[in-house]
């Protein structure tokens, strides 16, 4: 499996900036992640952002990352989404997707 294989297992951490708290962003994020078979977690930060970690096949992460960067929940207004700590995995570290508090 090469680096661009859409079935490669990858992980990435994210932080979404903008008006993203108080608009069910984490719930919509969890629903989409579960529908795509993505594992990991999401939470509100004290800085007013949303952060989390995603793990899954690259093709599904690409869909999720596009949503985090451009769409978000219906009432949200995304300014930017920063992605850090990309890595390729041999297996998933999580077995579901959760909202952390």
N, C-alpha and C. Protein backbone atom coordinates (compact mmCIF):
# COMPACT_ATOMS: atom_id res chain seq x y z
N UNK A 1 0.84 -1.19 0.00
CA UNK A 1 0.00 0.00 0.00
C UNK A 1 0.87 1.24 0.00
N UNK A 2 0.66 2.08 -0.99
CA UNK A 2 1.43 3.31 -1.08
C UNK A 2 0.80 4.43 -0.28
N UNK A 3 1.51 5.54 -0.22
CA UNK A 3 1.06 6.68 0.57
C UNK A 3 -0.26 7.25 0.05
N UNK A 4 -0.54 7.08 -1.23
CA UNK A 4 -1.76 7.65 -1.78
C UNK A 4 -2.88 6.61 -1.92
N UNK A 5 -2.69 5.43 -1.38
CA UNK A 5 -3.72 4.40 -1.43
C UNK A 5 -4.93 4.86 -0.60
N UNK A 6 -6.11 4.97 -1.21
CA UNK A 6 -7.28 5.45 -0.46
C UNK A 6 -7.70 4.51 0.67
N UNK A 7 -7.21 3.26 0.65
CA UNK A 7 -7.53 2.31 1.71
C UNK A 7 -6.49 2.29 2.82
N UNK A 8 -5.44 3.11 2.71
CA UNK A 8 -4.45 3.20 3.77
C UNK A 8 -5.11 3.66 5.06
N UNK A 9 -4.70 3.08 6.18
CA UNK A 9 -5.19 3.55 7.48
C UNK A 9 -4.34 4.74 7.91
N UNK A 10 -5.00 5.84 8.19
CA UNK A 10 -4.29 7.05 8.60
C UNK A 10 -4.93 7.64 9.84
N UNK A 11 -4.17 8.48 10.52
CA UNK A 11 -4.66 9.21 11.68
C UNK A 11 -4.24 10.67 11.53
N UNK A 12 -5.07 11.56 12.03
CA UNK A 12 -4.74 12.99 12.02
C UNK A 12 -5.46 13.66 13.19
N UNK A 13 -4.79 14.66 13.75
CA UNK A 13 -5.43 15.48 14.78
C UNK A 13 -5.92 16.76 14.11
N UNK A 14 -7.02 17.32 14.64
CA UNK A 14 -7.58 18.53 14.03
C UNK A 14 -8.02 19.51 15.09
N UNK A 15 -8.06 20.79 14.68
CA UNK A 15 -8.65 21.84 15.51
C UNK A 15 -9.40 22.78 14.57
N UNK A 16 -10.68 23.00 14.88
CA UNK A 16 -11.53 23.83 14.05
C UNK A 16 -11.77 25.16 14.77
N UNK A 17 -11.53 26.25 14.04
CA UNK A 17 -11.68 27.60 14.59
C UNK A 17 -12.89 28.29 13.95
N UNK A 18 -13.51 29.19 14.70
CA UNK A 18 -14.66 29.94 14.21
C UNK A 18 -15.78 29.87 15.23
N UNK A 19 -17.02 30.06 14.76
CA UNK A 19 -18.18 29.90 15.66
C UNK A 19 -18.57 28.43 15.59
N UNK A 20 -17.98 27.63 16.47
CA UNK A 20 -18.16 26.18 16.38
C UNK A 20 -18.67 25.55 17.68
N UNK A 21 -18.79 26.35 18.74
CA UNK A 21 -19.34 25.83 19.98
C UNK A 21 -20.77 26.34 20.16
N UNK A 22 -21.60 25.55 20.83
CA UNK A 22 -22.99 25.93 21.05
C UNK A 22 -23.87 25.72 19.83
N UNK A 23 -23.41 24.94 18.87
CA UNK A 23 -24.18 24.70 17.64
C UNK A 23 -24.19 23.21 17.27
N UNK A 24 -24.05 22.37 18.29
CA UNK A 24 -24.11 20.90 18.11
C UNK A 24 -23.02 20.37 17.17
N UNK A 25 -21.91 21.10 17.07
CA UNK A 25 -20.83 20.70 16.16
C UNK A 25 -20.31 19.31 16.52
N UNK A 26 -20.09 19.05 17.81
CA UNK A 26 -19.53 17.75 18.19
C UNK A 26 -20.49 16.61 17.87
N UNK A 27 -21.80 16.84 18.05
CA UNK A 27 -22.80 15.81 17.75
C UNK A 27 -22.80 15.50 16.25
N UNK A 28 -22.83 16.53 15.42
CA UNK A 28 -22.81 16.32 13.96
C UNK A 28 -21.51 15.64 13.55
N UNK A 29 -20.40 16.04 14.18
CA UNK A 29 -19.10 15.43 13.88
C UNK A 29 -19.14 13.94 14.19
N UNK A 30 -19.66 13.59 15.36
CA UNK A 30 -19.74 12.17 15.76
C UNK A 30 -20.63 11.39 14.80
N UNK A 31 -21.79 11.96 14.44
CA UNK A 31 -22.71 11.28 13.53
C UNK A 31 -22.05 10.99 12.18
N UNK A 32 -21.35 11.99 11.63
CA UNK A 32 -20.69 11.81 10.34
C UNK A 32 -19.55 10.79 10.45
N UNK A 33 -18.75 10.91 11.50
CA UNK A 33 -17.63 9.97 11.69
C UNK A 33 -18.15 8.53 11.76
N UNK A 34 -19.22 8.32 12.52
CA UNK A 34 -19.77 6.97 12.64
C UNK A 34 -20.32 6.47 11.31
N UNK A 35 -20.95 7.35 10.54
CA UNK A 35 -21.50 6.93 9.24
C UNK A 35 -20.38 6.56 8.26
N UNK A 36 -19.19 7.15 8.45
CA UNK A 36 -18.05 6.87 7.57
C UNK A 36 -17.16 5.75 8.12
N UNK A 37 -17.46 5.26 9.32
CA UNK A 37 -16.63 4.22 9.92
C UNK A 37 -15.31 4.74 10.46
N UNK A 38 -15.29 6.01 10.85
CA UNK A 38 -14.08 6.64 11.40
C UNK A 38 -14.09 6.51 12.91
N UNK A 39 -12.92 6.20 13.48
CA UNK A 39 -12.75 6.10 14.92
C UNK A 39 -12.03 7.34 15.44
N UNK A 40 -12.12 7.54 16.76
CA UNK A 40 -11.41 8.66 17.38
C UNK A 40 -12.28 9.40 18.36
N UNK A 41 -12.09 10.73 18.44
CA UNK A 41 -12.84 11.52 19.42
C UNK A 41 -12.88 12.99 18.99
N UNK A 42 -13.78 13.73 19.62
CA UNK A 42 -13.93 15.16 19.39
C UNK A 42 -14.32 15.81 20.71
N UNK A 43 -13.93 17.07 20.91
CA UNK A 43 -14.31 17.78 22.14
C UNK A 43 -14.27 19.29 21.92
N UNK A 44 -15.00 20.01 22.79
CA UNK A 44 -14.89 21.47 22.87
C UNK A 44 -13.64 21.79 23.67
N UNK A 45 -12.92 22.83 23.27
CA UNK A 45 -11.75 23.25 24.04
C UNK A 45 -12.11 24.51 24.84
N UNK A 46 -11.27 24.82 25.81
CA UNK A 46 -11.46 26.03 26.61
C UNK A 46 -11.21 27.29 25.77
N UNK A 47 -10.54 27.15 24.62
CA UNK A 47 -10.24 28.28 23.75
C UNK A 47 -11.39 28.61 22.79
N UNK A 48 -12.48 27.85 22.88
CA UNK A 48 -13.61 28.12 21.99
C UNK A 48 -13.51 27.42 20.65
N UNK A 49 -12.60 26.47 20.55
CA UNK A 49 -12.45 25.70 19.31
C UNK A 49 -12.97 24.29 19.53
N UNK A 50 -12.93 23.50 18.47
CA UNK A 50 -13.26 22.08 18.53
C UNK A 50 -11.99 21.33 18.15
N UNK A 51 -11.59 20.35 18.94
CA UNK A 51 -10.41 19.56 18.58
C UNK A 51 -10.74 18.08 18.66
N UNK A 52 -9.88 17.29 18.03
CA UNK A 52 -10.10 15.86 18.08
C UNK A 52 -9.05 15.09 17.31
N UNK A 53 -9.28 13.79 17.23
CA UNK A 53 -8.38 12.90 16.51
C UNK A 53 -9.23 11.93 15.69
N UNK A 54 -8.84 11.76 14.45
CA UNK A 54 -9.55 10.86 13.53
C UNK A 54 -8.64 9.72 13.12
N UNK A 55 -9.21 8.52 13.00
CA UNK A 55 -8.48 7.37 12.47
C UNK A 55 -9.41 6.59 11.55
N UNK A 56 -8.88 6.20 10.42
CA UNK A 56 -9.67 5.40 9.48
C UNK A 56 -8.99 5.35 8.13
N UNK A 57 -9.72 4.84 7.13
CA UNK A 57 -9.12 4.78 5.81
C UNK A 57 -9.07 6.18 5.21
N UNK A 58 -8.03 6.45 4.44
CA UNK A 58 -7.77 7.80 3.94
C UNK A 58 -8.94 8.36 3.15
N UNK A 59 -9.60 7.54 2.35
CA UNK A 59 -10.72 8.03 1.54
C UNK A 59 -11.83 8.59 2.43
N UNK A 60 -12.12 7.92 3.54
CA UNK A 60 -13.16 8.39 4.46
C UNK A 60 -12.70 9.61 5.25
N UNK A 61 -11.41 9.64 5.64
CA UNK A 61 -10.89 10.81 6.34
C UNK A 61 -10.95 12.04 5.44
N UNK A 62 -10.70 11.87 4.15
CA UNK A 62 -10.77 13.01 3.23
C UNK A 62 -12.17 13.64 3.23
N UNK A 63 -13.21 12.81 3.26
CA UNK A 63 -14.59 13.31 3.32
C UNK A 63 -14.82 14.06 4.64
N UNK A 64 -14.37 13.46 5.72
CA UNK A 64 -14.55 14.05 7.05
C UNK A 64 -13.80 15.37 7.17
N UNK A 65 -12.58 15.41 6.66
CA UNK A 65 -11.77 16.62 6.76
C UNK A 65 -12.35 17.75 5.91
N UNK A 66 -12.93 17.42 4.78
CA UNK A 66 -13.60 18.44 3.97
C UNK A 66 -14.77 19.03 4.76
N UNK A 67 -15.54 18.17 5.44
CA UNK A 67 -16.67 18.63 6.25
C UNK A 67 -16.18 19.53 7.39
N UNK A 68 -15.09 19.13 8.06
CA UNK A 68 -14.54 19.91 9.16
C UNK A 68 -14.00 21.26 8.70
N UNK A 69 -13.52 21.32 7.46
CA UNK A 69 -12.88 22.54 6.94
C UNK A 69 -13.87 23.51 6.30
N UNK A 70 -14.97 22.98 5.75
CA UNK A 70 -15.82 23.84 4.93
C UNK A 70 -17.29 23.85 5.32
N UNK A 71 -17.79 22.79 5.93
CA UNK A 71 -19.23 22.67 6.14
C UNK A 71 -19.62 22.79 7.60
N UNK A 72 -19.26 21.82 8.41
CA UNK A 72 -19.60 21.85 9.82
C UNK A 72 -21.09 21.68 10.06
N UNK A 73 -21.50 21.91 11.30
CA UNK A 73 -22.92 21.78 11.65
C UNK A 73 -23.69 22.98 11.08
N UNK A 74 -25.02 22.86 10.96
CA UNK A 74 -25.80 23.90 10.28
C UNK A 74 -25.61 25.33 10.80
N UNK A 75 -25.44 25.53 12.11
CA UNK A 75 -25.32 26.88 12.65
C UNK A 75 -23.87 27.35 12.81
N UNK A 76 -22.91 26.49 12.48
CA UNK A 76 -21.50 26.85 12.68
C UNK A 76 -21.01 27.78 11.58
N UNK A 77 -19.91 28.48 11.88
CA UNK A 77 -19.23 29.30 10.88
C UNK A 77 -17.73 29.03 11.03
N UNK A 78 -17.20 28.23 10.13
CA UNK A 78 -15.81 27.78 10.22
C UNK A 78 -14.87 28.83 9.62
N UNK A 79 -13.86 29.21 10.39
CA UNK A 79 -12.82 30.11 9.89
C UNK A 79 -11.68 29.31 9.28
N UNK A 80 -11.23 28.29 10.01
CA UNK A 80 -10.16 27.43 9.49
C UNK A 80 -10.14 26.13 10.26
N UNK A 81 -9.49 25.13 9.67
CA UNK A 81 -9.29 23.83 10.31
C UNK A 81 -7.81 23.48 10.17
N UNK A 82 -7.14 23.36 11.30
CA UNK A 82 -5.71 23.01 11.29
C UNK A 82 -5.57 21.51 11.50
N UNK A 83 -4.72 20.89 10.68
CA UNK A 83 -4.46 19.45 10.75
C UNK A 83 -3.02 19.23 11.16
N UNK A 84 -2.82 18.35 12.14
CA UNK A 84 -1.47 18.08 12.64
C UNK A 84 -1.28 16.60 12.89
N UNK A 85 -0.03 16.20 12.99
CA UNK A 85 0.34 14.83 13.39
C UNK A 85 -0.25 13.75 12.50
N UNK A 86 -0.15 13.94 11.17
CA UNK A 86 -0.56 12.88 10.24
C UNK A 86 0.31 11.66 10.47
N UNK A 87 -0.27 10.48 10.47
CA UNK A 87 0.54 9.27 10.53
C UNK A 87 -0.21 8.10 9.88
N UNK A 88 0.57 7.19 9.35
CA UNK A 88 0.00 5.96 8.79
C UNK A 88 -0.03 4.92 9.89
N UNK A 89 -1.10 4.12 9.90
CA UNK A 89 -1.30 3.13 10.95
C UNK A 89 -1.31 1.72 10.36
N UNK A 90 -0.89 0.76 11.16
CA UNK A 90 -1.07 -0.63 10.77
C UNK A 90 -2.38 -1.17 11.32
N UNK A 91 -2.87 -0.54 12.42
CA UNK A 91 -4.18 -0.88 12.97
C UNK A 91 -4.72 0.33 13.72
N UNK A 92 -6.02 0.36 13.93
CA UNK A 92 -6.66 1.47 14.62
C UNK A 92 -6.42 1.39 16.12
N UNK A 93 -6.22 2.54 16.76
CA UNK A 93 -6.05 2.59 18.22
C UNK A 93 -7.39 2.68 18.94
N UNK A 94 -8.43 3.11 18.23
CA UNK A 94 -9.77 3.27 18.83
C UNK A 94 -10.72 2.30 18.15
N UNK A 95 -11.81 1.93 18.86
CA UNK A 95 -12.78 1.05 18.24
C UNK A 95 -14.13 1.74 18.02
N UNK A 96 -14.21 3.04 18.34
CA UNK A 96 -15.42 3.80 18.09
C UNK A 96 -15.08 5.30 18.02
N UNK A 97 -16.11 6.12 17.92
CA UNK A 97 -15.92 7.57 17.92
C UNK A 97 -16.69 8.16 19.07
N UNK A 98 -16.04 8.97 19.89
CA UNK A 98 -16.68 9.48 21.09
C UNK A 98 -16.57 10.99 21.20
N UNK A 99 -17.48 11.58 21.97
CA UNK A 99 -17.40 12.99 22.34
C UNK A 99 -16.78 13.03 23.72
N UNK A 100 -15.68 13.76 23.87
CA UNK A 100 -15.01 13.88 25.16
C UNK A 100 -15.43 15.17 25.84
N UNK A 101 -15.42 15.15 27.17
CA UNK A 101 -15.81 16.34 27.94
C UNK A 101 -14.70 16.77 28.88
